[in-house]
Amino acid sequence: LKLMFSKNNICVNAMLFRMSVNEFEYMVGDTLDLAVKLDKNEYRGIISVSIFIDDIKYSSLDEEDVIRQNKLYESIVRGEHIDCNIIPKIIPSREDFVQVYSYLKRNNGWAFKLENLFVRLVQKDIFSKNNEEDESLNFCKLRVVLNALESLEVINIYDQGDKYNVIVNHTNKKVDLESAFIIKLLKTCQKSG
């Protein structure tokens, strides 16, 4: 995959191997961080540089926070004790569910890294605070929403290692979001807190 990047009116081309156009999840205008290798080329006395991309991620992605939030989510799923003061920050509202589901439905699901879905929802202003008391979307809350939607058979999630394939099930039936096991678990913890 040959990509062109620009900053301050300077354009450079770079190569990304082991990825097709359909697998490339970034869009024109995204601000990215790249880990690259430079290779010096000389042909008929002309020296040029080739740029090869080793890794690519959103510049705005706080990887340490995503790791912390993911560990918190995994603790919840394993049934470990969590600080009940954290619950308001990770328990999703109905509107949280609506915004995540609407995005997935509009985009025919998701087939990329889960942390990039998080960035898309937050960075692109798709997800917004509903009022002053609402907690904004964090990675743990996104995982809780996806877990609940999957347990209610609204979506199917296939963990493929470095990416998640999220398929939206086409149905007209209404679901009780409060009946999802993970939501019941969090609400129980919140009440007993």
N, C-alpha and C. Protein backbone atom coordinates (compact mmCIF):
# COMPACT_ATOMS: atom_id res chain seq x y z
N LEU A 1 0.86 -1.16 0.00
CA LEU A 1 0.00 0.00 0.00
C LEU A 1 0.91 1.23 0.00
N LYS A 2 0.75 2.08 -1.00
CA LYS A 2 1.53 3.31 -1.07
C LYS A 2 0.65 4.44 -0.55
N LEU A 3 1.15 5.14 0.46
CA LEU A 3 0.39 6.20 1.12
C LEU A 3 1.12 7.53 1.00
N MET A 4 0.34 8.61 0.95
CA MET A 4 0.93 9.93 0.93
C MET A 4 0.51 10.66 2.20
N PHE A 5 1.49 11.24 2.88
CA PHE A 5 1.26 11.99 4.11
C PHE A 5 1.72 13.42 3.90
N SER A 6 1.03 14.34 4.57
CA SER A 6 1.45 15.73 4.44
C SER A 6 1.32 16.44 5.79
N LYS A 7 2.22 17.40 5.96
CA LYS A 7 2.18 18.28 7.13
C LYS A 7 2.90 19.56 6.74
N ASN A 8 2.27 20.69 7.05
CA ASN A 8 2.85 21.99 6.71
C ASN A 8 3.25 22.08 5.24
N ASN A 9 2.37 21.62 4.37
CA ASN A 9 2.56 21.67 2.91
C ASN A 9 3.74 20.84 2.41
N ILE A 10 4.24 19.91 3.22
CA ILE A 10 5.30 18.99 2.78
C ILE A 10 4.67 17.61 2.67
N CYS A 11 4.81 17.01 1.50
CA CYS A 11 4.23 15.70 1.24
C CYS A 11 5.32 14.65 1.11
N VAL A 12 5.07 13.47 1.69
CA VAL A 12 5.99 12.34 1.55
C VAL A 12 5.18 11.10 1.25
N ASN A 13 5.78 10.21 0.49
CA ASN A 13 5.17 8.92 0.20
C ASN A 13 5.81 7.87 1.08
N ALA A 14 5.01 6.91 1.49
CA ALA A 14 5.52 5.82 2.33
C ALA A 14 4.83 4.53 1.91
N MET A 15 5.50 3.43 2.17
CA MET A 15 4.97 2.11 1.82
C MET A 15 4.55 1.38 3.10
N LEU A 16 3.40 0.73 3.02
CA LEU A 16 2.90 -0.09 4.12
C LEU A 16 2.63 -1.48 3.55
N PHE A 17 3.41 -2.45 3.99
CA PHE A 17 3.28 -3.81 3.47
C PHE A 17 2.35 -4.63 4.37
N ARG A 18 1.93 -5.77 3.88
CA ARG A 18 1.05 -6.72 4.58
C ARG A 18 -0.31 -6.11 4.91
N MET A 19 -0.80 -5.22 4.07
CA MET A 19 -2.11 -4.63 4.29
C MET A 19 -2.71 -4.22 2.95
N SER A 20 -3.98 -4.55 2.76
CA SER A 20 -4.67 -4.16 1.52
C SER A 20 -5.41 -2.84 1.76
N VAL A 21 -5.92 -2.27 0.71
CA VAL A 21 -6.70 -1.03 0.81
C VAL A 21 -7.91 -1.25 1.72
N ASN A 22 -8.56 -2.41 1.61
CA ASN A 22 -9.75 -2.70 2.43
C ASN A 22 -9.41 -2.85 3.90
N GLU A 23 -8.20 -3.23 4.22
CA GLU A 23 -7.79 -3.41 5.61
C GLU A 23 -7.30 -2.10 6.25
N PHE A 24 -7.05 -1.10 5.43
CA PHE A 24 -6.54 0.18 5.94
C PHE A 24 -7.68 0.96 6.55
N GLU A 25 -7.61 1.23 7.85
CA GLU A 25 -8.75 1.79 8.57
C GLU A 25 -8.72 3.30 8.75
N TYR A 26 -7.72 3.96 8.26
CA TYR A 26 -7.60 5.40 8.48
C TYR A 26 -8.16 6.15 7.27
N MET A 27 -8.53 7.41 7.52
CA MET A 27 -9.16 8.22 6.48
C MET A 27 -8.35 9.48 6.21
N VAL A 28 -8.59 10.06 5.06
CA VAL A 28 -7.95 11.33 4.72
C VAL A 28 -8.32 12.34 5.81
N GLY A 29 -7.32 13.04 6.30
CA GLY A 29 -7.53 14.04 7.34
C GLY A 29 -7.22 13.55 8.75
N ASP A 30 -7.08 12.24 8.93
CA ASP A 30 -6.72 11.70 10.24
C ASP A 30 -5.30 12.13 10.59
N THR A 31 -5.08 12.47 11.86
CA THR A 31 -3.75 12.81 12.35
C THR A 31 -3.17 11.56 12.98
N LEU A 32 -2.03 11.13 12.43
CA LEU A 32 -1.47 9.83 12.80
C LEU A 32 -0.02 9.95 13.25
N ASP A 33 0.38 8.99 14.06
CA ASP A 33 1.79 8.80 14.41
C ASP A 33 2.27 7.58 13.65
N LEU A 34 3.45 7.68 13.08
CA LEU A 34 4.01 6.57 12.31
C LEU A 34 5.35 6.15 12.89
N ALA A 35 5.58 4.85 12.92
CA ALA A 35 6.91 4.31 13.19
C ALA A 35 7.41 3.82 11.85
N VAL A 36 8.54 4.37 11.38
CA VAL A 36 9.00 4.07 10.02
C VAL A 36 10.47 3.64 10.01
N LYS A 37 10.83 3.02 8.93
CA LYS A 37 12.23 2.72 8.63
C LYS A 37 12.58 3.47 7.36
N LEU A 38 13.75 4.06 7.35
CA LEU A 38 14.22 4.78 6.17
C LEU A 38 15.27 3.94 5.48
N ASP A 39 15.20 3.95 4.17
CA ASP A 39 16.16 3.17 3.38
C ASP A 39 16.75 4.10 2.31
N LYS A 40 18.06 4.17 2.27
CA LYS A 40 18.76 5.02 1.30
C LYS A 40 18.91 4.23 0.00
N ASN A 41 18.50 4.86 -1.10
CA ASN A 41 18.61 4.24 -2.43
C ASN A 41 19.54 5.09 -3.29
N GLU A 42 20.34 4.42 -4.10
CA GLU A 42 21.18 5.13 -5.05
C GLU A 42 21.05 4.45 -6.40
N TYR A 43 20.70 5.23 -7.41
CA TYR A 43 20.54 4.71 -8.76
C TYR A 43 21.07 5.74 -9.74
N ARG A 44 22.10 5.34 -10.49
CA ARG A 44 22.75 6.23 -11.47
C ARG A 44 23.17 7.56 -10.85
N GLY A 45 23.69 7.47 -9.64
CA GLY A 45 24.21 8.65 -8.98
C GLY A 45 23.17 9.50 -8.27
N ILE A 46 21.92 9.12 -8.37
CA ILE A 46 20.86 9.87 -7.70
C ILE A 46 20.49 9.14 -6.41
N ILE A 47 20.54 9.88 -5.31
CA ILE A 47 20.23 9.30 -4.01
C ILE A 47 18.80 9.69 -3.63
N SER A 48 18.05 8.70 -3.19
CA SER A 48 16.68 8.94 -2.72
C SER A 48 16.45 8.14 -1.45
N VAL A 49 15.37 8.45 -0.79
CA VAL A 49 15.04 7.77 0.46
C VAL A 49 13.68 7.08 0.29
N SER A 50 13.61 5.84 0.70
CA SER A 50 12.33 5.12 0.76
C SER A 50 11.89 5.07 2.21
N ILE A 51 10.59 5.24 2.41
CA ILE A 51 10.02 5.21 3.75
C ILE A 51 9.10 4.00 3.84
N PHE A 52 9.36 3.15 4.85
CA PHE A 52 8.55 1.96 5.08
C PHE A 52 7.91 2.07 6.46
N ILE A 53 6.59 1.91 6.51
CA ILE A 53 5.84 2.04 7.76
C ILE A 53 5.86 0.72 8.51
N ASP A 54 6.32 0.79 9.78
CA ASP A 54 6.29 -0.39 10.66
C ASP A 54 5.01 -0.42 11.48
N ASP A 55 4.57 0.75 11.95
CA ASP A 55 3.36 0.82 12.77
C ASP A 55 2.70 2.17 12.55
N ILE A 56 1.41 2.20 12.80
CA ILE A 56 0.63 3.41 12.57
C ILE A 56 -0.47 3.46 13.63
N LYS A 57 -0.73 4.66 14.17
CA LYS A 57 -1.80 4.82 15.16
C LYS A 57 -2.27 6.27 15.14
N TYR A 58 -3.45 6.47 15.71
CA TYR A 58 -3.95 7.84 15.86
C TYR A 58 -3.07 8.61 16.84
N SER A 59 -2.75 9.84 16.49
CA SER A 59 -1.94 10.68 17.38
C SER A 59 -2.66 10.95 18.70
N SER A 60 -3.97 11.04 18.64
CA SER A 60 -4.74 11.39 19.84
C SER A 60 -4.97 10.21 20.77
N LEU A 61 -4.58 9.01 20.37
CA LEU A 61 -4.83 7.83 21.19
C LEU A 61 -3.85 7.78 22.37
N ASP A 62 -4.40 7.81 23.57
CA ASP A 62 -3.60 7.67 24.79
C ASP A 62 -3.52 6.18 25.10
N GLU A 63 -2.48 5.53 24.62
CA GLU A 63 -2.37 4.07 24.74
C GLU A 63 -2.34 3.60 26.19
N GLU A 64 -1.68 4.36 27.06
CA GLU A 64 -1.62 3.97 28.48
C GLU A 64 -3.01 3.99 29.11
N ASP A 65 -3.81 5.00 28.77
CA ASP A 65 -5.17 5.07 29.30
C ASP A 65 -6.01 3.92 28.74
N VAL A 66 -5.87 3.61 27.47
CA VAL A 66 -6.61 2.49 26.88
C VAL A 66 -6.24 1.19 27.58
N ILE A 67 -4.97 0.99 27.87
CA ILE A 67 -4.53 -0.23 28.58
C ILE A 67 -5.14 -0.28 29.97
N ARG A 68 -5.13 0.84 30.70
CA ARG A 68 -5.74 0.90 32.04
C ARG A 68 -7.24 0.60 31.97
N GLN A 69 -7.91 1.24 31.03
CA GLN A 69 -9.36 1.05 30.87
C GLN A 69 -9.68 -0.39 30.48
N ASN A 70 -8.84 -1.00 29.64
CA ASN A 70 -9.06 -2.38 29.22
C ASN A 70 -8.87 -3.33 30.40
N LYS A 71 -7.86 -3.06 31.24
CA LYS A 71 -7.64 -3.89 32.43
C LYS A 71 -8.85 -3.79 33.38
N LEU A 72 -9.41 -2.59 33.52
CA LEU A 72 -10.59 -2.40 34.35
C LEU A 72 -11.75 -3.22 33.80
N TYR A 73 -11.96 -3.15 32.49
CA TYR A 73 -13.04 -3.93 31.85
C TYR A 73 -12.83 -5.42 32.09
N GLU A 74 -11.62 -5.89 31.91
CA GLU A 74 -11.34 -7.32 32.11
C GLU A 74 -11.57 -7.74 33.56
N SER A 75 -11.27 -6.85 34.51
CA SER A 75 -11.56 -7.14 35.92
C SER A 75 -13.06 -7.29 36.15
N ILE A 76 -13.83 -6.44 35.52
CA ILE A 76 -15.29 -6.50 35.64
C ILE A 76 -15.79 -7.84 35.10
N VAL A 77 -15.34 -8.19 33.92
CA VAL A 77 -15.78 -9.43 33.26
C VAL A 77 -15.40 -10.66 34.08
N ARG A 78 -14.24 -10.61 34.73
CA ARG A 78 -13.80 -11.74 35.56
C ARG A 78 -14.52 -11.77 36.91
N GLY A 79 -15.32 -10.74 37.19
CA GLY A 79 -16.07 -10.71 38.44
C GLY A 79 -15.24 -10.27 39.64
N GLU A 80 -14.12 -9.62 39.38
CA GLU A 80 -13.27 -9.15 40.47
C GLU A 80 -13.88 -7.92 41.12
N HIS A 81 -13.51 -7.68 42.37
CA HIS A 81 -13.99 -6.49 43.08
C HIS A 81 -13.40 -5.24 42.42
N ILE A 82 -14.27 -4.27 42.18
CA ILE A 82 -13.80 -2.98 41.66
C ILE A 82 -14.32 -1.87 42.57
N ASP A 83 -13.63 -0.77 42.57
CA ASP A 83 -14.02 0.38 43.38
C ASP A 83 -15.35 0.91 42.85
N CYS A 84 -16.36 0.90 43.70
CA CYS A 84 -17.70 1.32 43.28
C CYS A 84 -17.77 2.81 42.93
N ASN A 85 -16.78 3.59 43.35
CA ASN A 85 -16.74 5.00 42.98
C ASN A 85 -16.45 5.19 41.49
N ILE A 86 -15.92 4.14 40.87
CA ILE A 86 -15.59 4.20 39.44
C ILE A 86 -16.83 3.94 38.57
N ILE A 87 -17.82 3.28 39.13
CA ILE A 87 -19.00 2.84 38.36
C ILE A 87 -19.65 3.96 37.56
N PRO A 88 -19.88 5.16 38.12
CA PRO A 88 -20.51 6.20 37.31
C PRO A 88 -19.73 6.55 36.04
N LYS A 89 -18.44 6.32 36.04
CA LYS A 89 -17.62 6.64 34.87
C LYS A 89 -17.69 5.56 33.78
N ILE A 90 -18.15 4.37 34.17
CA ILE A 90 -18.13 3.27 33.20
C ILE A 90 -19.50 2.68 32.89
N ILE A 91 -20.52 3.08 33.62
CA ILE A 91 -21.85 2.55 33.33
C ILE A 91 -22.49 3.41 32.24
N PRO A 92 -22.85 2.80 31.13
CA PRO A 92 -23.36 3.59 30.01
C PRO A 92 -24.81 4.01 30.18
N SER A 93 -25.12 5.15 29.63
CA SER A 93 -26.51 5.62 29.59
C SER A 93 -27.17 5.04 28.34
N ARG A 94 -28.47 5.20 28.25
CA ARG A 94 -29.19 4.75 27.05
C ARG A 94 -28.63 5.46 25.82
N GLU A 95 -28.35 6.74 25.96
CA GLU A 95 -27.81 7.51 24.83
C GLU A 95 -26.44 7.00 24.39
N ASP A 96 -25.63 6.52 25.34
CA ASP A 96 -24.34 5.92 24.99
C ASP A 96 -24.55 4.73 24.06
N PHE A 97 -25.52 3.88 24.45
CA PHE A 97 -25.85 2.72 23.62
C PHE A 97 -26.31 3.15 22.23
N VAL A 98 -27.18 4.14 22.20
CA VAL A 98 -27.73 4.61 20.92
C VAL A 98 -26.61 5.12 20.02
N GLN A 99 -25.71 5.91 20.56
CA GLN A 99 -24.65 6.49 19.73
C GLN A 99 -23.68 5.42 19.20
N VAL A 100 -23.30 4.47 20.05
CA VAL A 100 -22.39 3.41 19.60
C VAL A 100 -23.09 2.53 18.57
N TYR A 101 -24.32 2.11 18.88
CA TYR A 101 -25.06 1.24 17.95
C TYR A 101 -25.31 1.96 16.61
N SER A 102 -25.71 3.21 16.67
CA SER A 102 -25.98 3.97 15.44
C SER A 102 -24.73 4.07 14.57
N TYR A 103 -23.59 4.31 15.20
CA TYR A 103 -22.35 4.38 14.43
C TYR A 103 -22.05 3.04 13.76
N LEU A 104 -22.17 1.97 14.53
CA LEU A 104 -21.91 0.64 13.97
C LEU A 104 -22.87 0.31 12.84
N LYS A 105 -24.14 0.62 13.02
CA LYS A 105 -25.14 0.34 11.99
C LYS A 105 -24.88 1.15 10.72
N ARG A 106 -24.57 2.43 10.91
CA ARG A 106 -24.29 3.31 9.76
C ARG A 106 -23.08 2.84 8.97
N ASN A 107 -22.12 2.22 9.66
CA ASN A 107 -20.88 1.81 9.02
C ASN A 107 -20.80 0.30 8.75
N ASN A 108 -21.96 -0.35 8.80
CA ASN A 108 -22.02 -1.81 8.57
C ASN A 108 -21.06 -2.57 9.48
N GLY A 109 -21.03 -2.18 10.74
CA GLY A 109 -20.19 -2.85 11.72
C GLY A 109 -18.81 -2.24 11.81
N TRP A 110 -17.86 -3.06 12.21
CA TRP A 110 -16.48 -2.61 12.40
C TRP A 110 -15.56 -3.80 12.18
N ALA A 111 -14.45 -3.60 11.50
CA ALA A 111 -13.53 -4.71 11.24
C ALA A 111 -12.08 -4.28 11.42
N PHE A 112 -11.83 -3.49 12.44
CA PHE A 112 -10.50 -2.97 12.67
C PHE A 112 -10.17 -3.05 14.16
N LYS A 113 -9.12 -2.34 14.57
CA LYS A 113 -8.73 -2.31 15.98
C LYS A 113 -9.83 -1.64 16.80
N LEU A 114 -10.07 -2.20 17.97
CA LEU A 114 -11.12 -1.66 18.84
C LEU A 114 -10.76 -0.26 19.35
N GLU A 115 -9.49 -0.04 19.61
CA GLU A 115 -9.10 1.30 20.07
C GLU A 115 -9.32 2.36 18.98
N ASN A 116 -9.30 1.95 17.72
CA ASN A 116 -9.57 2.91 16.66
C ASN A 116 -11.06 3.22 16.56
N LEU A 117 -11.92 2.26 16.89
CA LEU A 117 -13.35 2.54 16.99
C LEU A 117 -13.56 3.58 18.09
N PHE A 118 -12.88 3.41 19.19
CA PHE A 118 -12.97 4.37 20.30
C PHE A 118 -12.58 5.77 19.82
N VAL A 119 -11.46 5.88 19.12
CA VAL A 119 -11.02 7.20 18.62
C VAL A 119 -12.04 7.77 17.66
N ARG A 120 -12.56 6.95 16.76
CA ARG A 120 -13.57 7.43 15.81
C ARG A 120 -14.78 8.01 16.55
N LEU A 121 -15.24 7.31 17.56
CA LEU A 121 -16.41 7.77 18.30
C LEU A 121 -16.15 9.07 19.06
N VAL A 122 -14.98 9.17 19.68
CA VAL A 122 -14.66 10.33 20.51
C VAL A 122 -14.15 11.49 19.67
N GLN A 123 -13.17 11.24 18.83
CA GLN A 123 -12.49 12.30 18.09
C GLN A 123 -13.38 12.94 17.04
N LYS A 124 -14.23 12.17 16.45
CA LYS A 124 -15.05 12.69 15.35
C LYS A 124 -16.35 13.33 15.83
N ASP A 125 -16.43 13.59 17.16
CA ASP A 125 -17.60 14.22 17.76
C ASP A 125 -18.90 13.45 17.50
N ILE A 126 -18.77 12.15 17.28
CA ILE A 126 -19.96 11.32 17.14
C ILE A 126 -20.56 11.10 18.51
N PHE A 127 -19.68 10.99 19.48
CA PHE A 127 -20.10 10.76 20.86
C PHE A 127 -20.00 12.09 21.59
N SER A 128 -21.07 12.50 22.21
CA SER A 128 -21.03 13.79 22.91
C SER A 128 -21.69 13.64 24.27
N LYS A 129 -21.33 14.53 25.17
CA LYS A 129 -21.98 14.54 26.48
C LYS A 129 -23.43 14.96 26.30
N ASN A 130 -24.31 14.27 27.00
CA ASN A 130 -25.73 14.59 26.92
C ASN A 130 -26.09 15.75 27.85
N ASN A 131 -25.43 15.80 28.99
CA ASN A 131 -25.63 16.92 29.92
C ASN A 131 -24.43 16.98 30.85
N GLU A 132 -24.44 17.91 31.75
CA GLU A 132 -23.27 18.14 32.60
C GLU A 132 -22.93 16.95 33.50
N GLU A 133 -23.93 16.14 33.88
CA GLU A 133 -23.66 15.03 34.78
C GLU A 133 -23.08 13.81 34.05
N ASP A 134 -23.25 13.75 32.75
CA ASP A 134 -22.79 12.59 31.99
C ASP A 134 -21.28 12.48 31.99
N GLU A 135 -20.82 11.27 32.06
CA GLU A 135 -19.40 11.00 31.90
C GLU A 135 -19.17 10.74 30.42
N SER A 136 -18.09 11.27 29.89
CA SER A 136 -17.81 11.06 28.47
C SER A 136 -17.36 9.61 28.25
N LEU A 137 -17.35 9.23 27.00
CA LEU A 137 -16.98 7.87 26.63
C LEU A 137 -15.52 7.62 26.97
N ASN A 138 -15.26 6.49 27.62
CA ASN A 138 -13.90 6.02 27.82
C ASN A 138 -13.85 4.61 27.26
N PHE A 139 -12.66 4.05 27.18
CA PHE A 139 -12.50 2.75 26.53
C PHE A 139 -13.23 1.65 27.29
N CYS A 140 -13.21 1.69 28.61
CA CYS A 140 -13.92 0.69 29.40
C CYS A 140 -15.42 0.77 29.13
N LYS A 141 -15.97 1.98 29.10
CA LYS A 141 -17.40 2.14 28.84
C LYS A 141 -17.76 1.61 27.46
N LEU A 142 -16.92 1.86 26.48
CA LEU A 142 -17.16 1.31 25.13
C LEU A 142 -17.20 -0.21 25.19
N ARG A 143 -16.25 -0.82 25.90
CA ARG A 143 -16.22 -2.29 26.02
C ARG A 143 -17.49 -2.79 26.71
N VAL A 144 -17.97 -2.07 27.73
CA VAL A 144 -19.20 -2.45 28.42
C VAL A 144 -20.38 -2.39 27.46
N VAL A 145 -20.49 -1.33 26.68
CA VAL A 145 -21.57 -1.20 25.69
C VAL A 145 -21.53 -2.36 24.71
N LEU A 146 -20.36 -2.65 24.17
CA LEU A 146 -20.24 -3.73 23.19
C LEU A 146 -20.58 -5.08 23.82
N ASN A 147 -20.11 -5.32 25.04
CA ASN A 147 -20.42 -6.56 25.74
C ASN A 147 -21.93 -6.71 25.92
N ALA A 148 -22.58 -5.65 26.36
CA ALA A 148 -24.03 -5.70 26.59
C ALA A 148 -24.77 -5.93 25.28
N LEU A 149 -24.40 -5.21 24.23
CA LEU A 149 -25.06 -5.38 22.93
C LEU A 149 -24.88 -6.80 22.40
N GLU A 150 -23.71 -7.37 22.63
CA GLU A 150 -23.48 -8.73 22.17
C GLU A 150 -24.31 -9.72 22.99
N SER A 151 -24.35 -9.53 24.31
CA SER A 151 -25.12 -10.46 25.15
C SER A 151 -26.61 -10.40 24.84
N LEU A 152 -27.07 -9.27 24.34
CA LEU A 152 -28.48 -9.10 23.96
C LEU A 152 -28.72 -9.48 22.49
N GLU A 153 -27.68 -10.00 21.84
CA GLU A 153 -27.73 -10.47 20.45
C GLU A 153 -28.06 -9.37 19.44
N VAL A 154 -27.68 -8.14 19.79
CA VAL A 154 -27.84 -7.02 18.87
C VAL A 154 -26.67 -7.00 17.90
N ILE A 155 -25.50 -7.40 18.40
CA ILE A 155 -24.30 -7.50 17.58
C ILE A 155 -23.60 -8.82 17.86
N ASN A 156 -22.72 -9.22 16.97
CA ASN A 156 -21.79 -10.32 17.20
C ASN A 156 -20.39 -9.75 17.13
N ILE A 157 -19.53 -10.21 18.02
CA ILE A 157 -18.14 -9.74 18.04
C ILE A 157 -17.22 -10.93 17.87
N TYR A 158 -16.29 -10.81 16.93
CA TYR A 158 -15.29 -11.84 16.70
C TYR A 158 -13.92 -11.21 16.93
N ASP A 159 -13.25 -11.67 17.98
CA ASP A 159 -11.92 -11.18 18.32
C ASP A 159 -10.93 -11.91 17.42
N GLN A 160 -10.27 -11.15 16.56
CA GLN A 160 -9.32 -11.73 15.62
C GLN A 160 -7.89 -11.30 15.95
N GLY A 161 -7.60 -11.20 17.23
CA GLY A 161 -6.25 -10.85 17.66
C GLY A 161 -6.03 -9.36 17.66
N ASP A 162 -5.53 -8.83 16.56
CA ASP A 162 -5.23 -7.40 16.50
C ASP A 162 -6.42 -6.57 16.04
N LYS A 163 -7.52 -7.22 15.67
CA LYS A 163 -8.70 -6.46 15.27
C LYS A 163 -9.96 -7.18 15.73
N TYR A 164 -11.04 -6.43 15.79
CA TYR A 164 -12.34 -6.96 16.17
C TYR A 164 -13.28 -6.83 15.00
N ASN A 165 -13.98 -7.90 14.72
CA ASN A 165 -14.99 -7.85 13.68
C ASN A 165 -16.34 -7.76 14.38
N VAL A 166 -17.00 -6.62 14.28
CA VAL A 166 -18.29 -6.39 14.91
C VAL A 166 -19.35 -6.39 13.82
N ILE A 167 -20.28 -7.32 13.93
CA ILE A 167 -21.34 -7.45 12.94
C ILE A 167 -22.66 -7.06 13.60
N VAL A 168 -23.38 -6.15 12.95
CA VAL A 168 -24.68 -5.71 13.46
C VAL A 168 -25.74 -6.69 12.97
N ASN A 169 -26.48 -7.27 13.91
CA ASN A 169 -27.57 -8.18 13.56
C ASN A 169 -28.78 -7.34 13.19
N HIS A 170 -29.33 -7.60 12.03
CA HIS A 170 -30.49 -6.82 11.56
C HIS A 170 -31.76 -7.41 12.16
N THR A 171 -32.32 -6.65 13.07
CA THR A 171 -33.52 -7.08 13.76
C THR A 171 -34.35 -5.86 14.11
N ASN A 172 -35.64 -6.06 14.20
CA ASN A 172 -36.53 -4.96 14.60
C ASN A 172 -37.00 -5.10 16.04
N LYS A 173 -36.56 -6.18 16.71
CA LYS A 173 -37.02 -6.38 18.08
C LYS A 173 -36.34 -5.39 19.03
N LYS A 174 -37.10 -4.97 20.02
CA LYS A 174 -36.54 -4.08 21.04
C LYS A 174 -35.88 -4.93 22.12
N VAL A 175 -34.85 -4.37 22.73
CA VAL A 175 -34.16 -5.09 23.79
C VAL A 175 -34.15 -4.24 25.06
N ASP A 176 -34.12 -4.92 26.18
CA ASP A 176 -34.03 -4.26 27.47
C ASP A 176 -32.55 -4.16 27.84
N LEU A 177 -31.97 -3.00 27.66
CA LEU A 177 -30.53 -2.81 27.92
C LEU A 177 -30.18 -3.14 29.36
N GLU A 178 -31.10 -2.88 30.28
CA GLU A 178 -30.85 -3.14 31.69
C GLU A 178 -30.74 -4.64 31.99
N SER A 179 -31.21 -5.49 31.06
CA SER A 179 -31.18 -6.94 31.31
C SER A 179 -29.84 -7.58 30.94
N ALA A 180 -28.94 -6.82 30.34
CA ALA A 180 -27.62 -7.36 30.00
C ALA A 180 -26.87 -7.65 31.29
N PHE A 181 -26.24 -8.82 31.36
CA PHE A 181 -25.57 -9.26 32.59
C PHE A 181 -24.57 -8.22 33.10
N ILE A 182 -23.77 -7.67 32.21
CA ILE A 182 -22.73 -6.73 32.66
C ILE A 182 -23.35 -5.45 33.25
N ILE A 183 -24.49 -5.04 32.72
CA ILE A 183 -25.17 -3.85 33.25
C ILE A 183 -25.76 -4.17 34.63
N LYS A 184 -26.37 -5.34 34.76
CA LYS A 184 -26.90 -5.76 36.06
C LYS A 184 -25.79 -5.82 37.10
N LEU A 185 -24.66 -6.37 36.70
CA LEU A 185 -23.50 -6.48 37.60
C LEU A 185 -23.03 -5.11 38.07
N LEU A 186 -22.88 -4.17 37.14
CA LEU A 186 -22.43 -2.82 37.49
C LEU A 186 -23.45 -2.10 38.36
N LYS A 187 -24.72 -2.24 38.06
CA LYS A 187 -25.75 -1.57 38.85
C LYS A 187 -25.84 -2.15 40.26
N THR A 188 -25.64 -3.46 40.38
CA THR A 188 -25.62 -4.09 41.70
C THR A 188 -24.47 -3.54 42.53
N CYS A 189 -23.31 -3.45 41.91
CA CYS A 189 -22.14 -2.91 42.60
C CYS A 189 -22.38 -1.45 43.00
N GLN A 190 -23.00 -0.70 42.11
CA GLN A 190 -23.28 0.71 42.37
C GLN A 190 -24.22 0.86 43.57
N LYS A 191 -25.25 0.00 43.64
CA LYS A 191 -26.22 0.08 44.74
C LYS A 191 -25.61 -0.35 46.07
N SER A 192 -24.72 -1.35 46.01
CA SER A 192 -24.12 -1.85 47.25
C SER A 192 -22.96 -1.01 47.73
N GLY A 193 -22.47 -0.13 46.82
CA GLY A 193 -21.30 0.71 47.09
C GLY A 193 -21.42 1.50 48.33
